[in-house]
Amino acid sequence: MGAALALVLGLSLVGCADDSPDSATEPTSTPTTSEPTETPTETPTETASEPTGPDCAEVWVAGEILATNYNGCLDAEKAKFVQAMVYHCSSGQRLVTFGRNFYAAKGEVINQTTTPLAKDPEFKKVLASCGA
């Protein structure tokens, strides 16, 4: 009878051991569940990478006024967004440059130089008076 009891207890333990692999299988199914979660995450990223904004050629026109809320523009040739290059003036104004030949304070007239900004004497004066 002692051997029969040991056999029954042994089979009961085997039954418990069978529950363990099921528990180990459950965590394996969790990563499978997380895979579909990763796929939707990739879709918005692709959508977010598409550039949007005003066309740079339409914004940066000599003699026009630069918008006070200007943050950048879309370079249609390169199909990419060009972030505004902003110099914070000591007066509180924001001096913005674009490419090698355009500059303006936000809300002010856009200027175009014939030489690159780094070499243009008028832009150098404006930058110096800005106190950036």
N, C-alpha and C. Protein backbone atom coordinates (compact mmCIF):
# COMPACT_ATOMS: atom_id res chain seq x y z
N MET A 1 0.82 -1.17 0.00
CA MET A 1 0.00 0.00 0.00
C MET A 1 0.87 1.24 0.00
N GLY A 2 1.99 1.20 0.68
CA GLY A 2 2.92 2.30 0.70
C GLY A 2 3.44 2.59 -0.69
N ALA A 3 3.69 1.52 -1.50
CA ALA A 3 4.19 1.71 -2.86
C ALA A 3 3.10 2.31 -3.73
N ALA A 4 1.86 1.91 -3.52
CA ALA A 4 0.75 2.43 -4.31
C ALA A 4 0.53 3.91 -4.00
N LEU A 5 0.70 4.27 -2.71
CA LEU A 5 0.55 5.67 -2.33
C LEU A 5 1.65 6.51 -2.94
N ALA A 6 2.86 5.98 -2.95
CA ALA A 6 3.99 6.69 -3.55
C ALA A 6 3.76 6.86 -5.04
N LEU A 7 3.19 5.84 -5.72
CA LEU A 7 2.92 5.91 -7.15
C LEU A 7 1.86 6.97 -7.43
N VAL A 8 0.81 7.05 -6.60
CA VAL A 8 -0.25 8.04 -6.79
C VAL A 8 0.31 9.44 -6.57
N LEU A 9 1.13 9.61 -5.52
CA LEU A 9 1.73 10.91 -5.26
C LEU A 9 2.67 11.30 -6.39
N GLY A 10 3.41 10.32 -6.91
CA GLY A 10 4.32 10.57 -8.03
C GLY A 10 3.56 11.03 -9.26
N LEU A 11 2.41 10.39 -9.54
CA LEU A 11 1.61 10.79 -10.69
C LEU A 11 1.01 12.18 -10.47
N SER A 12 0.68 12.51 -9.23
CA SER A 12 0.14 13.82 -8.93
C SER A 12 1.20 14.89 -9.20
N LEU A 13 2.44 14.58 -8.84
CA LEU A 13 3.53 15.52 -9.09
C LEU A 13 3.78 15.68 -10.58
N VAL A 14 3.64 14.58 -11.34
CA VAL A 14 3.81 14.65 -12.78
C VAL A 14 2.72 15.56 -13.35
N GLY A 15 1.51 15.46 -12.82
CA GLY A 15 0.43 16.34 -13.26
C GLY A 15 0.77 17.80 -13.00
N CYS A 16 1.43 18.07 -11.87
CA CYS A 16 1.85 19.45 -11.59
C CYS A 16 2.93 19.89 -12.55
N ALA A 17 3.79 18.96 -12.89
CA ALA A 17 4.87 19.28 -13.82
C ALA A 17 4.30 19.61 -15.18
N ASP A 18 3.17 18.96 -15.55
CA ASP A 18 2.55 19.26 -16.84
C ASP A 18 2.02 20.70 -16.86
N ASP A 19 1.63 21.22 -15.68
CA ASP A 19 1.16 22.60 -15.64
C ASP A 19 2.29 23.58 -15.89
N SER A 20 3.50 23.25 -15.50
CA SER A 20 4.64 24.16 -15.67
C SER A 20 4.91 24.47 -17.13
N PRO A 21 4.95 23.50 -18.03
CA PRO A 21 5.19 23.85 -19.43
C PRO A 21 4.09 24.76 -19.99
N ASP A 22 2.84 24.59 -19.53
CA ASP A 22 1.79 25.49 -20.01
C ASP A 22 2.10 26.92 -19.57
N SER A 23 2.60 27.07 -18.34
CA SER A 23 2.95 28.40 -17.84
C SER A 23 4.09 28.97 -18.67
N ALA A 24 5.05 28.14 -19.04
CA ALA A 24 6.17 28.61 -19.84
C ALA A 24 5.71 28.97 -21.24
N THR A 25 4.67 28.31 -21.72
CA THR A 25 4.16 28.60 -23.04
C THR A 25 3.43 29.94 -23.05
N GLU A 26 2.77 30.29 -21.97
CA GLU A 26 2.03 31.55 -21.92
C GLU A 26 2.92 32.76 -22.16
N PRO A 27 4.09 32.88 -21.50
CA PRO A 27 4.94 34.03 -21.79
C PRO A 27 5.39 34.05 -23.26
N THR A 28 5.57 32.88 -23.86
CA THR A 28 5.97 32.84 -25.26
C THR A 28 4.88 33.44 -26.13
N SER A 29 3.62 33.23 -25.74
CA SER A 29 2.54 33.80 -26.54
C SER A 29 2.45 35.31 -26.35
N THR A 30 2.95 35.87 -25.25
CA THR A 30 2.91 37.30 -25.03
C THR A 30 3.74 38.06 -26.06
N PRO A 31 5.01 37.66 -26.35
CA PRO A 31 5.75 38.37 -27.39
C PRO A 31 5.06 38.29 -28.75
N THR A 32 4.40 37.16 -29.04
CA THR A 32 3.67 37.04 -30.29
C THR A 32 2.57 38.09 -30.33
N THR A 33 1.93 38.33 -29.18
CA THR A 33 0.90 39.35 -29.09
C THR A 33 1.50 40.73 -29.30
N SER A 34 2.75 40.96 -28.84
CA SER A 34 3.35 42.29 -28.96
C SER A 34 3.80 42.58 -30.39
N GLU A 35 3.99 41.59 -31.21
CA GLU A 35 4.42 41.84 -32.59
C GLU A 35 3.40 42.68 -33.36
N PRO A 36 2.10 42.38 -33.29
CA PRO A 36 1.17 43.25 -34.00
C PRO A 36 1.17 44.68 -33.46
N THR A 37 1.49 44.85 -32.17
CA THR A 37 1.57 46.19 -31.60
C THR A 37 2.70 46.98 -32.25
N GLU A 38 3.81 46.32 -32.57
CA GLU A 38 4.95 47.00 -33.18
C GLU A 38 4.63 47.43 -34.61
N THR A 39 3.87 46.66 -35.34
CA THR A 39 3.56 46.99 -36.73
C THR A 39 2.79 48.30 -36.85
N PRO A 40 1.71 48.55 -36.06
CA PRO A 40 1.04 49.85 -36.17
C PRO A 40 1.94 51.01 -35.79
N THR A 41 2.90 50.79 -34.88
CA THR A 41 3.81 51.85 -34.49
C THR A 41 4.65 52.30 -35.67
N GLU A 42 5.03 51.37 -36.55
CA GLU A 42 5.85 51.72 -37.70
C GLU A 42 5.08 52.55 -38.72
N THR A 43 3.80 52.32 -38.87
CA THR A 43 3.01 53.04 -39.86
C THR A 43 2.95 54.53 -39.58
N PRO A 44 2.63 55.01 -38.33
CA PRO A 44 2.64 56.45 -38.09
C PRO A 44 4.01 57.08 -38.30
N THR A 45 5.09 56.34 -38.00
CA THR A 45 6.43 56.87 -38.19
C THR A 45 6.66 57.17 -39.65
N GLU A 46 6.21 56.28 -40.53
CA GLU A 46 6.37 56.52 -41.96
C GLU A 46 5.56 57.74 -42.39
N THR A 47 4.37 57.89 -41.86
CA THR A 47 3.54 59.03 -42.19
C THR A 47 4.16 60.32 -41.66
N ALA A 48 4.72 60.28 -40.45
CA ALA A 48 5.31 61.46 -39.85
C ALA A 48 6.56 61.91 -40.60
N SER A 49 7.24 61.00 -41.30
CA SER A 49 8.46 61.37 -42.00
C SER A 49 8.19 62.11 -43.31
N GLU A 50 6.94 62.11 -43.76
CA GLU A 50 6.62 62.84 -44.97
C GLU A 50 6.66 64.34 -44.66
N PRO A 51 7.48 65.11 -45.39
CA PRO A 51 7.62 66.53 -45.07
C PRO A 51 6.38 67.34 -45.45
N THR A 52 6.06 68.30 -44.59
CA THR A 52 4.96 69.21 -44.87
C THR A 52 5.37 70.61 -44.45
N GLY A 53 4.72 71.60 -45.03
CA GLY A 53 5.02 72.98 -44.67
C GLY A 53 4.92 73.87 -45.89
N PRO A 54 5.11 75.18 -45.69
CA PRO A 54 5.06 76.10 -46.82
C PRO A 54 6.27 75.89 -47.74
N ASP A 55 6.10 76.14 -49.00
CA ASP A 55 7.18 75.98 -49.98
C ASP A 55 8.21 77.09 -49.77
N CYS A 56 9.49 76.72 -49.64
CA CYS A 56 10.56 77.69 -49.40
C CYS A 56 10.62 78.75 -50.49
N ALA A 57 10.39 78.35 -51.74
CA ALA A 57 10.45 79.29 -52.87
C ALA A 57 9.34 80.35 -52.76
N GLU A 58 8.25 80.01 -52.11
CA GLU A 58 7.16 80.97 -51.93
C GLU A 58 7.37 81.84 -50.69
N VAL A 59 8.07 81.32 -49.69
CA VAL A 59 8.30 82.06 -48.45
C VAL A 59 9.44 83.07 -48.64
N TRP A 60 10.56 82.60 -49.17
CA TRP A 60 11.77 83.42 -49.24
C TRP A 60 11.83 84.20 -50.55
N VAL A 61 11.09 85.31 -50.57
CA VAL A 61 11.04 86.22 -51.72
C VAL A 61 11.49 87.59 -51.22
N ALA A 62 12.57 88.13 -51.81
CA ALA A 62 13.09 89.43 -51.41
C ALA A 62 11.98 90.48 -51.49
N GLY A 63 11.88 91.30 -50.43
CA GLY A 63 10.89 92.36 -50.39
C GLY A 63 9.58 91.95 -49.73
N GLU A 64 9.34 90.66 -49.58
CA GLU A 64 8.12 90.18 -48.90
C GLU A 64 8.36 90.19 -47.39
N ILE A 65 7.31 90.00 -46.62
CA ILE A 65 7.40 89.98 -45.16
C ILE A 65 7.48 88.53 -44.68
N LEU A 66 8.44 88.25 -43.79
CA LEU A 66 8.57 86.92 -43.20
C LEU A 66 7.54 86.79 -42.08
N ALA A 67 6.78 85.73 -42.11
CA ALA A 67 5.74 85.50 -41.10
C ALA A 67 6.34 85.47 -39.69
N THR A 68 5.60 86.00 -38.74
CA THR A 68 6.09 86.02 -37.35
C THR A 68 6.12 84.62 -36.75
N ASN A 69 5.34 83.70 -37.30
CA ASN A 69 5.31 82.33 -36.78
C ASN A 69 6.13 81.36 -37.63
N TYR A 70 7.02 81.87 -38.46
CA TYR A 70 7.82 81.03 -39.36
C TYR A 70 8.74 80.11 -38.55
N ASN A 71 8.68 78.80 -38.87
CA ASN A 71 9.53 77.80 -38.21
C ASN A 71 10.34 76.99 -39.20
N GLY A 72 10.08 77.17 -40.48
CA GLY A 72 10.79 76.42 -41.51
C GLY A 72 9.90 76.26 -42.73
N CYS A 73 10.47 75.63 -43.75
CA CYS A 73 9.72 75.48 -45.00
C CYS A 73 10.11 74.18 -45.70
N LEU A 74 9.35 73.85 -46.71
CA LEU A 74 9.56 72.62 -47.47
C LEU A 74 10.38 72.93 -48.71
N ASP A 75 11.54 72.28 -48.81
CA ASP A 75 12.37 72.40 -50.00
C ASP A 75 11.83 71.40 -51.01
N ALA A 76 11.08 71.89 -52.00
CA ALA A 76 10.40 71.02 -52.96
C ALA A 76 11.39 70.20 -53.78
N GLU A 77 12.55 70.77 -54.11
CA GLU A 77 13.55 70.05 -54.91
C GLU A 77 14.09 68.82 -54.17
N LYS A 78 14.33 68.98 -52.87
CA LYS A 78 14.88 67.89 -52.07
C LYS A 78 13.81 67.11 -51.32
N ALA A 79 12.57 67.59 -51.39
CA ALA A 79 11.44 66.97 -50.69
C ALA A 79 11.75 66.76 -49.21
N LYS A 80 12.28 67.82 -48.58
CA LYS A 80 12.56 67.73 -47.15
C LYS A 80 12.25 69.07 -46.48
N PHE A 81 11.95 69.00 -45.20
CA PHE A 81 11.65 70.19 -44.42
C PHE A 81 12.95 70.84 -43.97
N VAL A 82 13.06 72.16 -44.16
CA VAL A 82 14.25 72.91 -43.76
C VAL A 82 13.88 73.70 -42.51
N GLN A 83 14.47 73.33 -41.38
CA GLN A 83 14.23 73.99 -40.11
C GLN A 83 14.76 75.42 -40.17
N ALA A 84 14.05 76.35 -39.56
CA ALA A 84 14.48 77.75 -39.53
C ALA A 84 15.78 77.89 -38.75
N MET A 85 16.72 78.66 -39.30
CA MET A 85 17.96 79.00 -38.61
C MET A 85 17.72 80.35 -37.96
N VAL A 86 17.56 80.34 -36.64
CA VAL A 86 17.14 81.55 -35.93
C VAL A 86 18.25 82.05 -35.01
N TYR A 87 18.49 83.36 -35.07
CA TYR A 87 19.41 84.04 -34.16
C TYR A 87 18.54 84.86 -33.21
N HIS A 88 18.70 84.62 -31.92
CA HIS A 88 17.91 85.33 -30.91
C HIS A 88 18.64 86.62 -30.57
N CYS A 89 18.06 87.74 -30.94
CA CYS A 89 18.68 89.05 -30.72
C CYS A 89 18.47 89.51 -29.28
N SER A 90 19.37 90.34 -28.82
CA SER A 90 19.25 90.87 -27.46
C SER A 90 18.00 91.74 -27.30
N SER A 91 17.50 92.29 -28.41
CA SER A 91 16.29 93.12 -28.38
C SER A 91 15.01 92.29 -28.27
N GLY A 92 15.14 90.97 -28.43
CA GLY A 92 13.97 90.09 -28.41
C GLY A 92 13.53 89.67 -29.80
N GLN A 93 14.06 90.34 -30.83
CA GLN A 93 13.74 89.95 -32.20
C GLN A 93 14.36 88.61 -32.53
N ARG A 94 13.82 87.99 -33.56
CA ARG A 94 14.35 86.72 -34.05
C ARG A 94 14.81 86.95 -35.48
N LEU A 95 16.12 86.89 -35.73
CA LEU A 95 16.68 87.04 -37.06
C LEU A 95 16.79 85.65 -37.66
N VAL A 96 16.23 85.48 -38.85
CA VAL A 96 16.17 84.16 -39.49
C VAL A 96 16.94 84.22 -40.81
N THR A 97 17.71 83.15 -41.07
CA THR A 97 18.42 83.06 -42.35
C THR A 97 17.92 81.84 -43.11
N PHE A 98 18.07 81.89 -44.43
CA PHE A 98 17.70 80.77 -45.28
C PHE A 98 18.72 80.65 -46.40
N GLY A 99 19.17 79.44 -46.62
CA GLY A 99 20.15 79.21 -47.67
C GLY A 99 21.40 80.03 -47.42
N ARG A 100 22.00 80.49 -48.48
CA ARG A 100 23.22 81.28 -48.36
C ARG A 100 22.98 82.76 -48.59
N ASN A 101 21.75 83.14 -48.99
CA ASN A 101 21.55 84.51 -49.42
C ASN A 101 20.31 85.23 -48.90
N PHE A 102 19.55 84.65 -47.98
CA PHE A 102 18.33 85.30 -47.48
C PHE A 102 18.40 85.48 -45.97
N TYR A 103 17.86 86.62 -45.51
CA TYR A 103 17.70 86.84 -44.06
C TYR A 103 16.57 87.82 -43.82
N ALA A 104 15.99 87.73 -42.64
CA ALA A 104 14.92 88.65 -42.22
C ALA A 104 14.66 88.45 -40.74
N ALA A 105 14.17 89.49 -40.11
CA ALA A 105 13.66 89.34 -38.75
C ALA A 105 12.21 88.88 -38.91
N LYS A 106 11.73 88.05 -38.01
CA LYS A 106 10.34 87.59 -38.09
C LYS A 106 9.42 88.81 -38.08
N GLY A 107 8.48 88.83 -39.04
CA GLY A 107 7.55 89.94 -39.15
C GLY A 107 8.12 91.13 -39.91
N GLU A 108 9.31 90.99 -40.48
CA GLU A 108 9.97 92.09 -41.20
C GLU A 108 10.24 91.69 -42.65
N VAL A 109 10.79 92.63 -43.42
CA VAL A 109 11.08 92.44 -44.84
C VAL A 109 12.22 91.45 -45.04
N ILE A 110 12.06 90.58 -46.04
CA ILE A 110 13.07 89.58 -46.39
C ILE A 110 14.11 90.26 -47.28
N ASN A 111 15.38 90.05 -46.94
CA ASN A 111 16.50 90.60 -47.70
C ASN A 111 17.23 89.48 -48.42
N GLN A 112 17.70 89.75 -49.62
CA GLN A 112 18.50 88.79 -50.39
C GLN A 112 19.83 89.44 -50.69
N THR A 113 20.92 88.71 -50.44
CA THR A 113 22.25 89.22 -50.71
C THR A 113 22.78 88.65 -52.03
N THR A 114 23.74 89.35 -52.61
CA THR A 114 24.37 88.85 -53.84
C THR A 114 25.57 87.98 -53.52
N THR A 115 26.08 88.11 -52.30
CA THR A 115 27.19 87.27 -51.85
C THR A 115 26.67 86.38 -50.72
N PRO A 116 27.40 85.31 -50.39
CA PRO A 116 26.97 84.48 -49.27
C PRO A 116 26.86 85.32 -47.98
N LEU A 117 25.91 85.00 -47.14
CA LEU A 117 25.67 85.75 -45.91
C LEU A 117 26.94 85.94 -45.07
N ALA A 118 27.75 84.93 -44.99
CA ALA A 118 28.96 84.99 -44.16
C ALA A 118 29.93 86.06 -44.65
N LYS A 119 29.83 86.44 -45.92
CA LYS A 119 30.73 87.44 -46.48
C LYS A 119 30.05 88.77 -46.77
N ASP A 120 28.75 88.85 -46.59
CA ASP A 120 28.00 90.05 -46.93
C ASP A 120 28.14 91.11 -45.84
N PRO A 121 28.67 92.31 -46.19
CA PRO A 121 28.88 93.35 -45.18
C PRO A 121 27.59 93.83 -44.52
N GLU A 122 26.50 93.95 -45.28
CA GLU A 122 25.23 94.41 -44.71
C GLU A 122 24.69 93.40 -43.71
N PHE A 123 24.74 92.10 -44.06
CA PHE A 123 24.26 91.08 -43.12
C PHE A 123 25.14 91.07 -41.87
N LYS A 124 26.44 91.24 -42.02
CA LYS A 124 27.33 91.28 -40.85
C LYS A 124 26.94 92.42 -39.91
N LYS A 125 26.57 93.58 -40.47
CA LYS A 125 26.13 94.72 -39.64
C LYS A 125 24.85 94.38 -38.89
N VAL A 126 23.90 93.79 -39.62
CA VAL A 126 22.62 93.42 -39.02
C VAL A 126 22.84 92.42 -37.90
N LEU A 127 23.68 91.43 -38.14
CA LEU A 127 23.96 90.41 -37.13
C LEU A 127 24.65 91.02 -35.91
N ALA A 128 25.58 91.94 -36.15
CA ALA A 128 26.27 92.60 -35.04
C ALA A 128 25.30 93.45 -34.21
N SER A 129 24.40 94.16 -34.89
CA SER A 129 23.44 95.00 -34.16
C SER A 129 22.40 94.14 -33.44
N CYS A 130 22.23 92.95 -33.90
CA CYS A 130 21.29 92.01 -33.27
C CYS A 130 21.79 91.61 -31.89
N GLY A 131 23.10 91.47 -31.76
CA GLY A 131 23.66 91.06 -30.48
C GLY A 131 23.45 89.58 -30.21
N ALA A 132 23.35 88.79 -31.27
CA ALA A 132 23.13 87.34 -31.14
C ALA A 132 24.36 86.65 -30.61
